[in-house]
Structures are given as C-alpha cells and as structure tokens.
Amino acid sequence: MSSELHLEIVYENNLDTDKFARMFNNKAQSYKFYWFEAILNLTKDTDEDLTFEEIIDEMICEAWHTVTHYHLRLGPTINGNAENFLEHAINTLNGTVSDLLQNPSREELKFAISSCEKELKWDKTRLADYVPYKLLYPFFDTDGMEEGLSYIKNDKHRRLIAYMEKLSGRENLFYTILDGAGLQKKIRMNPHWREFLIKNYSVIRSWVQYNKAQFLQDRNPGVPGIIYKICPENEELRKLDQARVLWKTTVEITGQPIKEIYTGREIPLEILSIDHFVPRSFISNDELWNLTPMSKALNSSKNNRLPAWDEFFEPFSRYQFYLYSLIFPTDISKRSSVLIDRFEKCRKNNLNAIWASETLYIAGNSDIQFINILSHNLKPIYEAAQLQGYDIWKVNT
C-alpha cells in the first residue's frame, strides 16, 4: 500500500480528494491521525454534530492499546519525557482508574474517561487548541481562501470560526467548526464528505493506519512490528501450538517433567503454557529462541512484563540449551526422529530469524557457544523493550 491515496474509491459531488489526501502533511505529532480516525469511527453511526470532547474521547479509545499495551510513543520524546497530550491523557487515565480490565472495551473506556473529567481536562483542552483547525489546512490553501488560511497559521480560532460561518458551502470543506465553550465546540461534517467516508470506510481506514504506522515507526526506532501495534492484539496471530507440542515431546522421550525457569516447579502437561521471555507485544513474533514453558497461572501473572535479565536469563538460556541438546545430541545415535519431526514443524511459525537458523539451531554448539549466541541476539531486544517502558516483573513464588 502507498502512503498516497491512489485507491479505487467512490467519489461524491466532485470532492477535491487531493486536498483530502494532504490532511496528514506537515505533522510533528500523531494528533491528526487520531483526530481523523475518531471522526471516521463516529460518523459511521451518526450524522449529528460532534463535540470536540466526543472526538477526543474516541481518540483516547483508539490509541489506548498502542500506549498501554505496546508502550509506543505517539510523538517526540524530549529529555526522556513524552511530549504528547494524547499519550499523557492515556497514561493519566491508566494511572487514575485502578479497576480497568487489561483489555477494556470501548464502553468501559468511555465510562472511565467520563469518571476522570477533572484529571483529563488539561490534556483535552490542549488537544482541542490544535488539531481541529490544523487538519483543515489543505482546504484553505487555495485561491480565494487566503483569509481563512492566515487564521489557521496564526492560531486565530475564533476568527476562523466566524470566517467559516460566512462561507457559502460551495467550498466543500471537510467540516466546519461551530462556536461553543471550550471542549463543547462542535464540528459539522460536510454531508458529501460524510457520504464519501461511509462508502469508502475500509479503504480510508487502511490508508490512515498505514500512514500512522509509518509515523509511529519514525518515533519508535528499533521497535519491531509497528503495523501490528496500532490495534488491539489479535490472539489468533499467536502461533504457539507446535512449540507447545515440541516441549511436550521432550517428556515423552526423556521421561523428565517440564519445569518453570522462574520457580523451578514442575509443570503438569494439562496446565502447560508457553511464555515469551521478551513480551510478544514488543517482539511481535513467536520465535522458538524467545519461548519457554510456563504454567498458565504464572504466565497470566507475568503478562506483558519483562523478567529480570540478571536473575532469569541464565536459567532461561540453560533450559533453551537443554531443548537444543535433545534435538542435536552429541551422540547422533540418541537423536529422536519424533523430536526432530516436531522441531521441523516449528520452522514455519517459530524459526524465521536467519541468525537462529544459521548459528543457533545447528549441530555442534557447546553450551557456552549456544548461550553466548542467544545472549548476543536477545539482549539488545530486551534492552530495547526496557527503553520502550516495559516493566520488570516481580515473581511471586
């Protein structure tokens, strides 16, 4: 997909789609994406005027998982601090409401937002001071609209609103702004643009998300899989079945139980789960070299956090080597065809990193070689997750 809107879409009333496509130009923050996406979501269900507050509440819902689950920065980071009002509002809400579920619904989020009106007011007001007007810039950047453009450039919002009231309607602005008190100002969608959005909803949403992912990748260098982190995580994307079968097979061929590296306890096969040492929400894959057996209850406790490297990398890496030594035993006569078959079935979904295929999971590695290769490749990923704000898990044994 291109970042430009060269798509097969349904046009309405000779709308100027070039101006529409330029709405995301000149962006220093992610506000335009989330403001537009909120309008896109809300106008599907209503043709009523929308208050600034309604739109900003929808922005918070849209960005919630990106900030709280994936720890992405929505704008520039200055002196280690996020300089983004939307991100700050989400973190404020998350820190204020203690009983929010891990994966709250939109309705639950909207209720939480309404209960934190005082705490969120400052961030909401700052958002309302900027994006509603700046998004319209391309529609005023044309002959005969210079006066309105000057008001946008100079942040003269009341004059811009008064100017829009005098327009004939033939200008086909994306929306007009109706005066009101603070966050109760409203936007009134151009009915032709609203029809355009509804008829082309899926295509336009994909275009917005693609552009948003590009922006967020620039603001979060080193974070893998950004395109998967702008929506709630889809559990169906996890590919852990073959890895689980592989570990169960070690019990069949050795008679030895599987143990948790975090507690040392044996794991009954009926409650066996597979844990990502570095959370999947950061690493965005199910690579075998980042997986370890874990009980379902402890896995839920660890959730989206990092284990302490100094405490747990050694037992993690040694258990990884234990699995490796069963697949690639020094004594070739002890190789298990069943285990090899299970390992080969993992290659499609659990062994795609070239370094792992070419240097880690090859015959002949000693324990020291194996652990050094694993540490060399995993530690930078772990440290990047730390820098991104992932918490360290405290194990309750």
Protein backbone atom coordinates (compact mmCIF):
# COMPACT_ATOMS: atom_id res chain seq x y z
CA MET A 1 0.00 0.00 0.00
CA SER A 2 1.19 3.51 -0.79
CA SER A 3 1.15 6.38 1.67
CA GLU A 4 -0.70 8.33 -1.03
CA LEU A 5 -4.41 7.88 -1.63
CA HIS A 6 -4.22 6.29 -5.08
CA LEU A 7 -7.05 3.85 -4.44
CA GLU A 8 -10.22 2.69 -6.14
CA ILE A 9 -12.76 4.67 -4.18
CA VAL A 10 -16.23 6.06 -4.77
CA TYR A 11 -16.28 9.80 -5.38
CA GLU A 12 -19.07 12.14 -4.34
CA ASN A 13 -20.06 15.55 -5.69
CA ASN A 14 -16.69 16.31 -7.33
CA LEU A 15 -14.93 16.43 -3.97
CA ASP A 16 -11.33 17.57 -4.00
CA THR A 17 -9.60 14.37 -2.89
CA ASP A 18 -6.16 15.92 -3.42
CA LYS A 19 -6.86 18.27 -0.51
CA PHE A 20 -8.27 15.35 1.46
CA ALA A 21 -5.09 13.34 0.88
CA ARG A 22 -2.93 16.26 2.06
CA MET A 23 -4.53 16.45 5.51
CA PHE A 24 -1.68 14.44 7.05
CA ASN A 25 1.11 16.58 5.60
CA ASN A 26 3.36 18.62 7.92
CA LYS A 27 2.85 16.50 11.02
CA ALA A 28 5.09 16.75 14.08
CA GLN A 29 2.64 14.80 16.25
CA SER A 30 0.22 11.92 15.72
CA TYR A 31 -2.83 14.04 16.59
CA LYS A 32 -4.11 14.41 13.02
CA PHE A 33 -4.25 10.64 12.52
CA TYR A 34 -6.18 10.01 15.71
CA TRP A 35 -8.50 13.02 15.29
CA PHE A 36 -9.37 11.96 11.76
CA GLU A 37 -9.76 8.30 12.77
CA ALA A 38 -12.10 9.30 15.60
CA ILE A 39 -14.26 11.26 13.15
CA LEU A 40 -14.20 8.29 10.76
CA ASN A 41 -15.42 5.98 13.53
CA LEU A 42 -18.09 8.30 14.89
CA THR A 43 -19.61 9.42 11.59
CA LYS A 44 -20.43 5.83 10.70
CA ASP A 45 -23.13 5.87 13.34
CA THR A 46 -24.43 9.43 13.40
CA ASP A 47 -24.93 12.47 11.21
CA GLU A 48 -25.20 14.71 14.27
CA ASP A 49 -22.67 17.43 15.02
CA LEU A 50 -19.78 16.12 17.13
CA THR A 51 -18.31 17.97 20.10
CA PHE A 52 -14.55 18.29 20.43
CA GLU A 53 -14.83 16.27 23.63
CA GLU A 54 -16.63 13.38 21.96
CA ILE A 55 -13.92 13.21 19.31
CA ILE A 56 -11.07 13.41 21.82
CA ASP A 57 -12.66 10.66 23.94
CA GLU A 58 -12.72 8.49 20.82
CA MET A 59 -9.06 9.38 20.18
CA ILE A 60 -8.18 8.09 23.65
CA CYS A 61 -10.00 4.83 22.93
CA GLU A 62 -8.31 4.45 19.55
CA ALA A 63 -4.80 4.98 20.95
CA TRP A 64 -5.33 3.14 24.25
CA HIS A 65 -3.76 -0.22 23.35
CA THR A 66 -0.93 1.39 21.39
CA VAL A 67 0.18 3.26 24.51
CA THR A 68 -0.74 0.95 27.40
CA HIS A 69 -0.12 -2.48 25.85
CA TYR A 70 2.59 -1.80 23.27
CA HIS A 71 4.27 1.16 25.04
CA LEU A 72 4.66 3.15 21.83
CA ARG A 73 5.43 6.86 21.88
CA LEU A 74 2.90 8.91 19.93
CA GLY A 75 5.17 11.91 19.42
CA PRO A 76 8.64 13.30 20.12
CA THR A 77 10.48 12.40 23.30
CA ILE A 78 12.32 15.30 24.94
CA ASN A 79 14.68 14.68 27.87
CA GLY A 80 13.12 11.24 28.29
CA ASN A 81 9.59 12.60 28.60
CA ALA A 82 6.72 12.12 26.18
CA GLU A 83 5.70 15.48 24.74
CA ASN A 84 2.29 14.36 23.52
CA PHE A 85 -1.01 15.38 25.10
CA LEU A 86 -2.88 12.30 23.88
CA GLU A 87 -0.26 9.93 25.26
CA HIS A 88 -0.20 11.87 28.53
CA ALA A 89 -4.00 11.71 28.79
CA ILE A 90 -3.95 7.93 28.33
CA ASN A 91 -1.23 7.44 30.93
CA THR A 92 -3.13 9.72 33.33
CA LEU A 93 -6.32 7.70 32.83
CA ASN A 94 -4.46 4.40 33.23
CA GLY A 95 -2.85 5.61 36.43
CA THR A 96 -6.07 7.06 37.87
CA VAL A 97 -8.59 4.28 37.27
CA SER A 98 -7.39 1.20 39.13
CA ASP A 99 -10.15 -1.24 38.20
CA LEU A 100 -9.84 -1.13 34.40
CA LEU A 101 -9.53 -4.57 32.83
CA GLN A 102 -6.38 -5.49 30.94
CA ASN A 103 -8.26 -5.31 27.64
CA PRO A 104 -11.17 -2.92 28.28
CA SER A 105 -13.99 -2.49 25.80
CA ARG A 106 -14.74 0.89 24.25
CA GLU A 107 -17.75 1.22 26.53
CA GLU A 108 -15.61 0.56 29.61
CA LEU A 109 -13.03 3.08 28.44
CA LYS A 110 -15.65 5.73 27.74
CA PHE A 111 -17.08 5.23 31.23
CA ALA A 112 -13.60 5.53 32.77
CA ILE A 113 -12.94 8.70 30.77
CA SER A 114 -16.19 10.25 31.99
CA SER A 115 -15.21 9.50 35.59
CA CYS A 116 -11.88 11.33 35.17
CA GLU A 117 -13.16 14.57 33.70
CA LYS A 118 -11.07 16.74 36.05
CA GLU A 119 -7.84 14.75 35.60
CA LEU A 120 -8.07 14.76 31.80
CA LYS A 121 -9.27 18.31 31.23
CA TRP A 122 -5.84 19.89 30.75
CA ASP A 123 -4.71 17.40 28.08
CA LYS A 124 -8.08 17.50 26.33
CA THR A 125 -8.01 21.30 26.22
CA ARG A 126 -4.52 21.30 24.71
CA LEU A 127 -5.61 18.83 22.06
CA ALA A 128 -8.64 20.98 21.24
CA ASP A 129 -6.39 24.00 20.77
CA TYR A 130 -4.51 22.41 17.90
CA VAL A 131 -5.73 19.61 15.74
CA PRO A 132 -9.36 20.57 14.86
CA TYR A 133 -8.08 23.61 12.97
CA LYS A 134 -4.78 22.31 11.56
CA LEU A 135 -6.45 19.34 9.89
CA LEU A 136 -8.38 21.76 7.67
CA TYR A 137 -5.23 23.50 6.40
CA PRO A 138 -5.28 21.97 2.87
CA PHE A 139 -8.86 23.08 2.30
CA PHE A 140 -7.90 26.72 2.89
CA ASP A 141 -4.64 26.50 0.97
CA THR A 142 -6.27 27.64 -2.27
CA ASP A 143 -7.12 30.81 -4.17
CA GLY A 144 -9.83 32.87 -2.53
CA MET A 145 -9.38 31.29 0.92
CA GLU A 146 -6.27 33.22 1.99
CA GLU A 147 -8.02 34.91 4.90
CA GLY A 148 -9.05 31.62 6.47
CA LEU A 149 -5.57 30.19 5.89
CA SER A 150 -3.98 33.11 7.73
CA TYR A 151 -6.23 32.45 10.73
CA ILE A 152 -5.13 28.80 10.82
CA LYS A 153 -1.45 29.72 10.52
CA ASN A 154 -1.72 32.26 13.33
CA ASP A 155 -3.99 30.20 15.61
CA LYS A 156 -6.79 32.76 15.47
CA HIS A 157 -9.51 30.24 16.11
CA ARG A 158 -12.48 32.50 16.83
CA ARG A 159 -11.82 34.49 13.69
CA LEU A 160 -11.57 31.26 11.70
CA ILE A 161 -14.90 30.06 13.09
CA ALA A 162 -16.52 33.41 12.26
CA TYR A 163 -14.98 33.23 8.78
CA MET A 164 -16.41 29.75 8.19
CA GLU A 165 -19.87 30.96 9.16
CA LYS A 166 -19.77 33.35 6.19
CA LEU A 167 -18.82 30.72 3.62
CA SER A 168 -21.38 29.67 1.04
CA GLY A 169 -20.90 25.92 1.43
CA ARG A 170 -19.67 25.51 -2.13
CA GLU A 171 -16.11 25.44 -0.79
CA ASN A 172 -16.64 21.80 0.23
CA LEU A 173 -14.67 22.00 3.46
CA PHE A 174 -14.24 18.63 5.18
CA TYR A 175 -16.13 20.06 8.15
CA THR A 176 -16.94 23.43 9.67
CA ILE A 177 -16.45 24.36 13.30
CA LEU A 178 -19.34 25.70 15.37
CA ASP A 179 -18.56 28.04 18.24
CA GLY A 180 -19.08 26.91 21.79
CA ALA A 181 -17.48 26.85 25.22
CA GLY A 182 -14.14 25.04 25.27
CA LEU A 183 -14.49 21.33 24.60
CA GLN A 184 -18.16 21.81 23.71
CA LYS A 185 -17.27 23.39 20.38
CA LYS A 186 -18.58 21.18 17.60
CA ILE A 187 -17.70 20.10 14.11
CA ARG A 188 -20.38 19.79 11.44
CA MET A 189 -19.43 17.30 8.77
CA ASN A 190 -19.93 18.23 5.15
CA PRO A 191 -22.64 15.71 4.15
CA HIS A 192 -20.84 14.92 0.89
CA TRP A 193 -17.60 14.17 2.71
CA ARG A 194 -19.50 12.08 5.25
CA GLU A 195 -21.02 10.02 2.46
CA PHE A 196 -17.56 9.65 0.96
CA LEU A 197 -16.18 8.33 4.27
CA ILE A 198 -19.02 5.86 4.77
CA LYS A 199 -18.85 4.43 1.26
CA ASN A 200 -15.08 4.05 1.41
CA TYR A 201 -14.66 3.33 5.11
CA SER A 202 -12.44 0.22 4.88
CA VAL A 203 -10.13 1.66 2.24
CA ILE A 204 -9.74 5.00 4.00
CA ARG A 205 -9.17 3.41 7.40
CA SER A 206 -6.43 1.19 5.94
CA TRP A 207 -4.81 4.24 4.32
CA VAL A 208 -4.88 6.17 7.61
CA GLN A 209 -3.43 3.27 9.57
CA TYR A 210 -0.66 2.76 7.03
CA ASN A 211 0.35 6.42 7.27
CA LYS A 212 0.04 6.33 11.05
CA ALA A 213 2.27 3.24 11.25
CA GLN A 214 4.94 4.99 9.18
CA PHE A 215 4.82 7.99 11.52
CA LEU A 216 4.98 5.84 14.66
CA GLN A 217 7.87 3.81 13.27
CA ASP A 218 9.90 7.01 12.97
CA ARG A 219 9.04 7.92 16.57
CA ASN A 220 9.81 4.42 17.87
CA PRO A 221 13.01 3.33 16.11
CA GLY A 222 14.06 -0.21 16.85
CA VAL A 223 10.57 -1.38 17.79
CA PRO A 224 9.54 -4.30 15.56
CA GLY A 225 6.12 -4.88 14.03
CA ILE A 226 4.67 -1.36 14.38
CA ILE A 227 1.94 -2.12 11.85
CA TYR A 228 0.55 -4.76 14.26
CA LYS A 229 0.55 -2.36 17.22
CA ILE A 230 -1.98 0.22 16.15
CA CYS A 231 -4.90 -2.06 17.04
CA PRO A 232 -5.66 -4.41 19.96
CA GLU A 233 -3.62 -7.60 19.72
CA ASN A 234 -5.27 -10.40 17.78
CA GLU A 235 -4.79 -13.59 19.77
CA GLU A 236 -5.29 -15.62 16.58
CA LEU A 237 -1.94 -14.32 15.32
CA ARG A 238 -0.10 -16.27 18.00
CA LYS A 239 1.45 -19.48 16.64
CA LEU A 240 2.44 -21.48 19.71
CA ASP A 241 0.82 -24.89 19.14
CA GLN A 242 3.86 -26.52 17.55
CA ALA A 243 6.20 -25.11 20.19
CA ARG A 244 3.92 -26.50 22.90
CA VAL A 245 3.91 -29.93 21.21
CA LEU A 246 7.71 -29.80 20.91
CA TRP A 247 8.14 -29.28 24.65
CA LYS A 248 5.59 -31.99 25.47
CA THR A 249 7.55 -34.37 23.26
CA THR A 250 10.64 -33.89 25.44
CA VAL A 251 8.66 -35.50 28.27
CA GLU A 252 7.72 -38.44 26.05
CA ILE A 253 11.29 -39.22 25.02
CA THR A 254 13.11 -38.47 28.29
CA GLY A 255 10.56 -39.21 30.97
CA GLN A 256 11.63 -35.95 32.63
CA PRO A 257 9.00 -33.40 33.65
CA ILE A 258 8.97 -29.87 32.28
CA LYS A 259 9.99 -27.22 34.79
CA GLU A 260 9.43 -23.49 35.11
CA ILE A 261 12.61 -21.47 34.89
CA TYR A 262 11.09 -18.80 37.14
CA THR A 263 10.14 -21.04 40.08
CA GLY A 264 11.81 -24.40 39.47
CA ARG A 265 8.43 -26.09 39.86
CA GLU A 266 7.27 -28.95 37.66
CA ILE A 267 4.50 -28.10 35.20
CA PRO A 268 1.70 -30.65 34.72
CA LEU A 269 1.09 -31.00 30.99
CA GLU A 270 -2.60 -30.12 31.35
CA ILE A 271 -1.68 -26.59 32.53
CA LEU A 272 1.34 -26.11 30.26
CA SER A 273 1.53 -22.69 28.65
CA ILE A 274 4.27 -21.10 26.54
CA ASP A 275 5.78 -17.80 27.66
CA HIS A 276 7.57 -15.15 25.63
CA PHE A 277 10.70 -14.17 27.59
CA VAL A 278 10.53 -10.73 25.94
CA PRO A 279 6.79 -9.96 25.66
CA ARG A 280 5.15 -10.70 22.35
CA SER A 281 3.56 -7.27 22.39
CA PHE A 282 7.06 -5.88 21.83
CA ILE A 283 8.79 -8.53 19.74
CA SER A 284 5.76 -9.31 17.52
CA ASN A 285 6.72 -12.91 16.81
CA ASP A 286 6.69 -16.41 18.28
CA GLU A 287 10.32 -17.37 17.69
CA LEU A 288 11.45 -20.51 19.49
CA TRP A 289 14.54 -18.85 20.97
CA ASN A 290 12.28 -16.45 22.95
CA LEU A 291 9.87 -19.11 24.27
CA THR A 292 9.90 -21.10 27.49
CA PRO A 293 7.42 -23.41 29.23
CA MET A 294 5.31 -21.90 31.98
CA SER A 295 2.17 -22.72 33.91
CA LYS A 296 -0.94 -20.90 32.74
CA ALA A 297 -1.40 -19.14 36.07
CA LEU A 298 2.15 -17.81 36.25
CA ASN A 299 2.03 -16.79 32.59
CA SER A 300 -1.05 -14.70 33.37
CA SER A 301 0.81 -13.16 36.30
CA LYS A 302 3.82 -12.23 34.15
CA ASN A 303 1.50 -10.84 31.48
CA ASN A 304 3.12 -8.04 29.49
CA ARG A 305 6.29 -7.60 31.55
CA LEU A 306 9.98 -8.44 31.35
CA PRO A 307 11.69 -10.91 33.68
CA ALA A 308 14.79 -9.53 35.39
CA TRP A 309 17.66 -10.25 32.99
CA ASP A 310 20.36 -10.78 35.61
CA GLU A 311 18.18 -13.20 37.54
CA PHE A 312 16.47 -15.17 34.80
CA PHE A 313 18.47 -15.10 31.58
CA GLU A 314 20.84 -17.82 32.79
CA PRO A 315 18.10 -20.34 33.72
CA PHE A 316 16.20 -19.39 30.56
CA SER A 317 19.23 -19.91 28.31
CA ARG A 318 20.21 -23.18 30.02
CA TYR A 319 16.71 -24.57 29.54
CA GLN A 320 16.88 -23.46 25.92
CA PHE A 321 20.16 -25.38 25.63
CA TYR A 322 18.51 -28.41 27.25
CA LEU A 323 15.94 -28.44 24.42
CA TYR A 324 18.68 -27.85 21.85
CA SER A 325 20.77 -30.75 23.22
CA LEU A 326 17.83 -33.12 22.79
CA ILE A 327 17.32 -32.01 19.19
CA PHE A 328 21.06 -32.00 18.37
CA PRO A 329 22.62 -34.56 20.76
CA THR A 330 26.39 -35.04 20.70
CA ASP A 331 25.80 -38.76 20.29
CA ILE A 332 23.95 -38.95 16.96
CA SER A 333 22.63 -42.41 17.86
CA LYS A 334 20.50 -40.75 20.54
CA ARG A 335 18.68 -38.48 18.12
CA SER A 336 14.91 -38.84 18.31
CA SER A 337 13.16 -38.89 14.94
CA VAL A 338 9.92 -37.91 16.68
CA LEU A 339 11.53 -34.86 18.30
CA ILE A 340 13.24 -33.89 15.04
CA ASP A 341 9.89 -34.09 13.28
CA ARG A 342 8.31 -31.84 15.93
CA PHE A 343 11.22 -29.38 15.63
CA GLU A 344 10.92 -29.24 11.84
CA LYS A 345 7.22 -28.44 12.18
CA CYS A 346 8.21 -25.39 14.24
CA ARG A 347 10.23 -23.89 11.41
CA LYS A 348 7.27 -22.31 9.62
CA ASN A 349 6.00 -20.20 12.53
CA ASN A 350 8.67 -20.36 15.21
CA LEU A 351 12.04 -20.24 13.48
CA ASN A 352 12.27 -17.45 10.91
CA ALA A 353 15.22 -15.40 12.18
CA ILE A 354 18.18 -16.09 9.90
CA TRP A 355 20.70 -15.81 12.73
CA ALA A 356 18.85 -18.51 14.68
CA SER A 357 18.66 -20.91 11.75
CA GLU A 358 22.28 -20.38 10.71
CA THR A 359 24.10 -20.08 14.06
CA LEU A 360 21.92 -21.20 16.97
CA TYR A 361 19.93 -24.23 15.87
CA ILE A 362 22.76 -26.08 14.14
CA ALA A 363 24.61 -29.15 15.30
CA GLY A 364 27.85 -28.78 17.20
CA ASN A 365 27.24 -25.84 19.57
CA SER A 366 28.59 -26.25 23.08
CA ASP A 367 26.54 -24.89 25.95
CA ILE A 368 28.80 -21.82 26.16
CA GLN A 369 28.57 -21.18 22.41
CA PHE A 370 24.80 -21.60 22.39
CA ILE A 371 24.25 -19.31 25.38
CA ASN A 372 26.61 -16.63 24.02
CA ILE A 373 24.85 -16.62 20.63
CA LEU A 374 21.45 -16.39 22.30
CA SER A 375 22.57 -13.59 24.64
CA HIS A 376 24.19 -11.63 21.81
CA ASN A 377 20.93 -11.58 19.85
CA LEU A 378 18.31 -11.45 22.60
CA LYS A 379 19.82 -8.88 24.96
CA PRO A 380 19.55 -5.91 22.53
CA ILE A 381 15.86 -6.76 22.03
CA TYR A 382 15.37 -6.99 25.80
CA GLU A 383 17.10 -3.63 26.35
CA ALA A 384 15.03 -2.00 23.60
CA ALA A 385 11.87 -3.21 25.33
CA GLN A 386 13.14 -1.71 28.60
CA LEU A 387 13.76 1.62 26.91
CA GLN A 388 10.25 1.49 25.48
CA GLY A 389 8.84 1.40 29.00
CA TYR A 390 8.14 -2.29 29.65
CA ASP A 391 8.03 -3.00 33.39
CA ILE A 392 10.14 -5.61 35.17
CA TRP A 393 8.11 -8.50 36.54
CA LYS A 394 8.45 -9.38 40.20
CA VAL A 395 7.93 -13.11 40.58
CA ASN A 396 5.64 -14.20 43.40
CA THR A 397 6.61 -17.78 44.16
